[in-house]
Protein backbone atom coordinates (compact mmCIF):
# COMPACT_ATOMS: atom_id res chain seq x y z
CA MET A 1 -0.19 -0.13 -0.04
CA GLY A 2 1.61 3.35 -1.13
CA LYS A 3 1.07 6.65 0.73
CA ILE A 4 0.16 10.34 -0.94
CA ILE A 5 2.13 13.36 0.04
CA GLU A 6 2.24 17.05 -0.98
CA VAL A 7 5.22 18.02 -3.15
CA SER A 8 7.43 19.87 -1.71
CA HIS A 9 10.30 21.23 -3.56
CA GLU A 10 12.27 18.64 -2.19
CA LYS A 11 9.96 16.47 -4.66
CA LEU A 12 9.90 18.52 -7.58
CA LYS A 13 12.45 16.45 -9.42
CA ASP A 14 10.46 13.33 -8.83
CA LEU A 15 7.47 15.14 -10.10
CA THR A 16 9.18 16.69 -13.23
CA ASN A 17 10.55 13.13 -14.31
CA LEU A 18 6.46 11.29 -13.79
CA ALA A 19 5.41 14.92 -15.73
CA LEU A 20 7.64 14.37 -18.84
CA GLU A 21 6.09 11.03 -19.31
CA LEU A 22 2.80 12.35 -19.37
CA TYR A 23 3.54 15.75 -21.27
CA SER A 24 6.46 14.07 -23.26
CA GLY A 25 6.86 17.08 -25.51
CA ASN A 26 8.26 19.03 -23.06
CA ILE A 27 12.10 19.26 -21.94
CA TYR A 28 13.11 18.60 -18.68
CA GLU A 29 14.59 22.15 -17.73
CA GLY A 30 11.51 24.17 -18.96
CA LEU A 31 9.21 21.82 -17.40
CA TYR A 32 10.84 21.88 -14.17
CA ARG A 33 10.45 26.00 -14.04
CA GLU A 34 7.35 25.63 -14.81
CA LEU A 35 6.35 23.20 -11.98
CA GLU A 36 8.38 25.09 -9.75
CA GLN A 37 6.65 28.17 -10.65
CA MET A 38 3.42 26.59 -9.73
CA LEU A 39 4.36 25.29 -7.08
CA ASN A 40 4.97 28.94 -5.48
CA GLU A 41 1.48 29.89 -6.18
CA LYS A 42 -1.25 28.70 -3.68
CA LYS A 43 -3.84 28.03 -6.67
CA HIS A 44 -1.75 24.68 -7.32
CA GLN A 45 -1.53 21.58 -5.72
CA PHE A 46 0.19 18.62 -6.52
CA LEU A 47 0.17 15.35 -4.67
CA LEU A 48 2.43 12.89 -5.29
CA TYR A 49 1.78 8.56 -4.93
CA MET A 50 4.73 7.04 -3.66
CA GLU A 51 5.25 3.25 -3.51
CA GLU A 52 7.53 1.95 -1.33
CA GLU A 53 9.52 5.29 -1.41
CA GLN A 54 9.54 5.44 -4.86
CA PRO A 55 7.15 8.31 -7.08
CA VAL A 56 5.00 6.16 -9.03
CA ALA A 57 1.76 8.79 -9.86
CA PHE A 58 1.00 12.45 -9.68
CA ILE A 59 -1.78 14.72 -9.74
CA HIS A 60 -2.06 18.59 -10.60
CA LEU A 61 -5.24 20.28 -9.41
CA SER A 62 -5.77 24.08 -9.92
CA ILE A 63 -8.63 26.55 -8.67
CA ARG A 64 -9.63 28.63 -11.72
CA SER A 65 -11.66 31.53 -11.24
CA ASP A 66 -12.15 32.35 -15.02
CA TYR A 67 -14.88 30.15 -16.24
CA VAL A 68 -14.91 26.43 -16.69
CA GLU A 69 -16.93 24.76 -19.11
CA GLY A 70 -20.25 23.77 -17.79
CA SER A 71 -19.82 25.29 -14.30
CA ASP A 72 -22.33 27.24 -12.20
CA SER A 73 -19.82 28.01 -9.41
CA SER A 74 -16.74 29.79 -9.06
CA PRO A 75 -14.01 29.58 -7.97
CA THR A 76 -13.99 26.03 -9.41
CA GLY A 77 -11.29 23.16 -8.95
CA TYR A 78 -9.37 22.03 -12.27
CA LEU A 79 -7.80 18.68 -12.77
CA GLU A 80 -4.73 19.88 -14.63
CA GLY A 81 -3.37 16.68 -15.21
CA ILE A 82 -3.08 12.82 -13.60
CA PHE A 83 -0.37 10.19 -14.55
CA VAL A 84 -0.23 6.41 -13.00
CA LYS A 85 3.07 4.73 -14.43
CA GLN A 86 2.21 1.71 -16.49
CA ALA A 87 2.93 -0.73 -14.14
CA TYR A 88 0.76 0.56 -11.40
CA ARG A 89 -2.29 1.43 -13.45
CA ARG A 90 -5.94 0.00 -12.47
CA GLN A 91 -4.78 -0.18 -8.76
CA GLY A 92 -7.18 2.69 -7.65
CA ILE A 93 -4.18 4.95 -7.63
CA SER A 94 -5.63 7.50 -9.33
CA THR A 95 -8.96 7.72 -7.57
CA GLU A 96 -6.95 7.88 -3.94
CA LEU A 97 -5.02 10.80 -5.36
CA PHE A 98 -8.35 12.57 -7.14
CA ASN A 99 -10.40 11.67 -3.75
CA CYS A 100 -7.30 13.14 -1.89
CA GLY A 101 -6.94 16.54 -3.66
CA LYS A 102 -10.85 16.86 -3.65
CA LYS A 103 -10.39 17.47 -0.03
CA TRP A 104 -7.94 20.53 -0.48
CA LEU A 105 -10.28 22.06 -3.41
CA LYS A 106 -13.61 21.93 -1.15
CA GLU A 107 -10.99 23.44 2.06
CA GLN A 108 -10.50 26.30 -0.72
CA GLY A 109 -14.05 27.08 -1.23
CA CYS A 110 -14.82 25.09 -4.36
CA THR A 111 -18.10 22.90 -4.98
CA GLN A 112 -17.27 21.81 -8.60
CA ILE A 113 -14.44 20.39 -10.34
CA GLY A 114 -13.77 20.57 -14.25
CA SER A 115 -11.47 18.84 -16.41
CA ASP A 116 -10.46 18.06 -20.10
CA MET A 117 -9.00 15.38 -22.50
CA GLU A 118 -7.23 15.28 -25.79
CA ILE A 119 -9.89 13.64 -28.23
CA ASP A 120 -7.86 10.65 -29.08
CA ASN A 121 -7.00 9.79 -25.11
CA GLN A 122 -8.33 6.61 -24.82
CA ASP A 123 -8.07 5.97 -21.44
CA SER A 124 -9.18 9.40 -19.94
CA TYR A 125 -12.51 9.35 -20.94
CA PRO A 126 -13.69 6.36 -19.19
CA PHE A 127 -11.62 7.35 -16.33
CA HIS A 128 -13.22 10.39 -15.73
CA MET A 129 -16.32 8.77 -16.18
CA SER A 130 -15.40 6.46 -13.58
CA LEU A 131 -14.89 9.64 -11.11
CA GLY A 132 -18.28 10.66 -11.69
CA PHE A 133 -17.77 13.59 -14.29
CA LYS A 134 -20.07 14.20 -16.61
CA GLU A 135 -19.26 15.31 -20.03
CA ALA A 136 -19.99 19.38 -20.53
CA GLY A 137 -19.51 19.68 -24.14
CA ARG A 138 -17.14 19.10 -27.08
CA LEU A 139 -14.99 21.40 -28.00
CA ILE A 140 -12.48 21.48 -31.38
CA THR A 141 -9.66 24.29 -31.11
CA PHE A 142 -8.14 26.01 -34.34
CA ILE A 143 -4.84 28.04 -34.64
CA ARG A 144 -3.82 29.82 -37.73
CA ASP A 145 -0.72 31.49 -38.78
CA LEU A 146 -1.27 35.38 -39.49
CA SER A 147 1.22 35.30 -42.29
């Protein structure tokens, strides 16, 4: 049985290594600095799941005061990211992380939590549904260079 800890600056390297597996297009140094900056802000919460002193999963929650699709309250909690190493999946770790993070969001005055996913992420949709999320809408984003 593992344990959940709040990420401190001492665990930032562990968080960055796990986050690189989720956000694979990033460079370590840049992601480390970005996570470090967020760690210093009170509107972000990072939790690590430790198995025998090794980090195997994390969750990143935030508090958003801008509009969150489908919400009717503000501030709204937001599930920014969650990741469990392949060998530890389907053991309830993500649910444990979510439930622990939910407590923090309630302490911050949030009554709802939002999230999003990439359309081709086959694991994310059933995960969200298993936690009780309801689909609030579908969004396709576009970008075009102005040149």
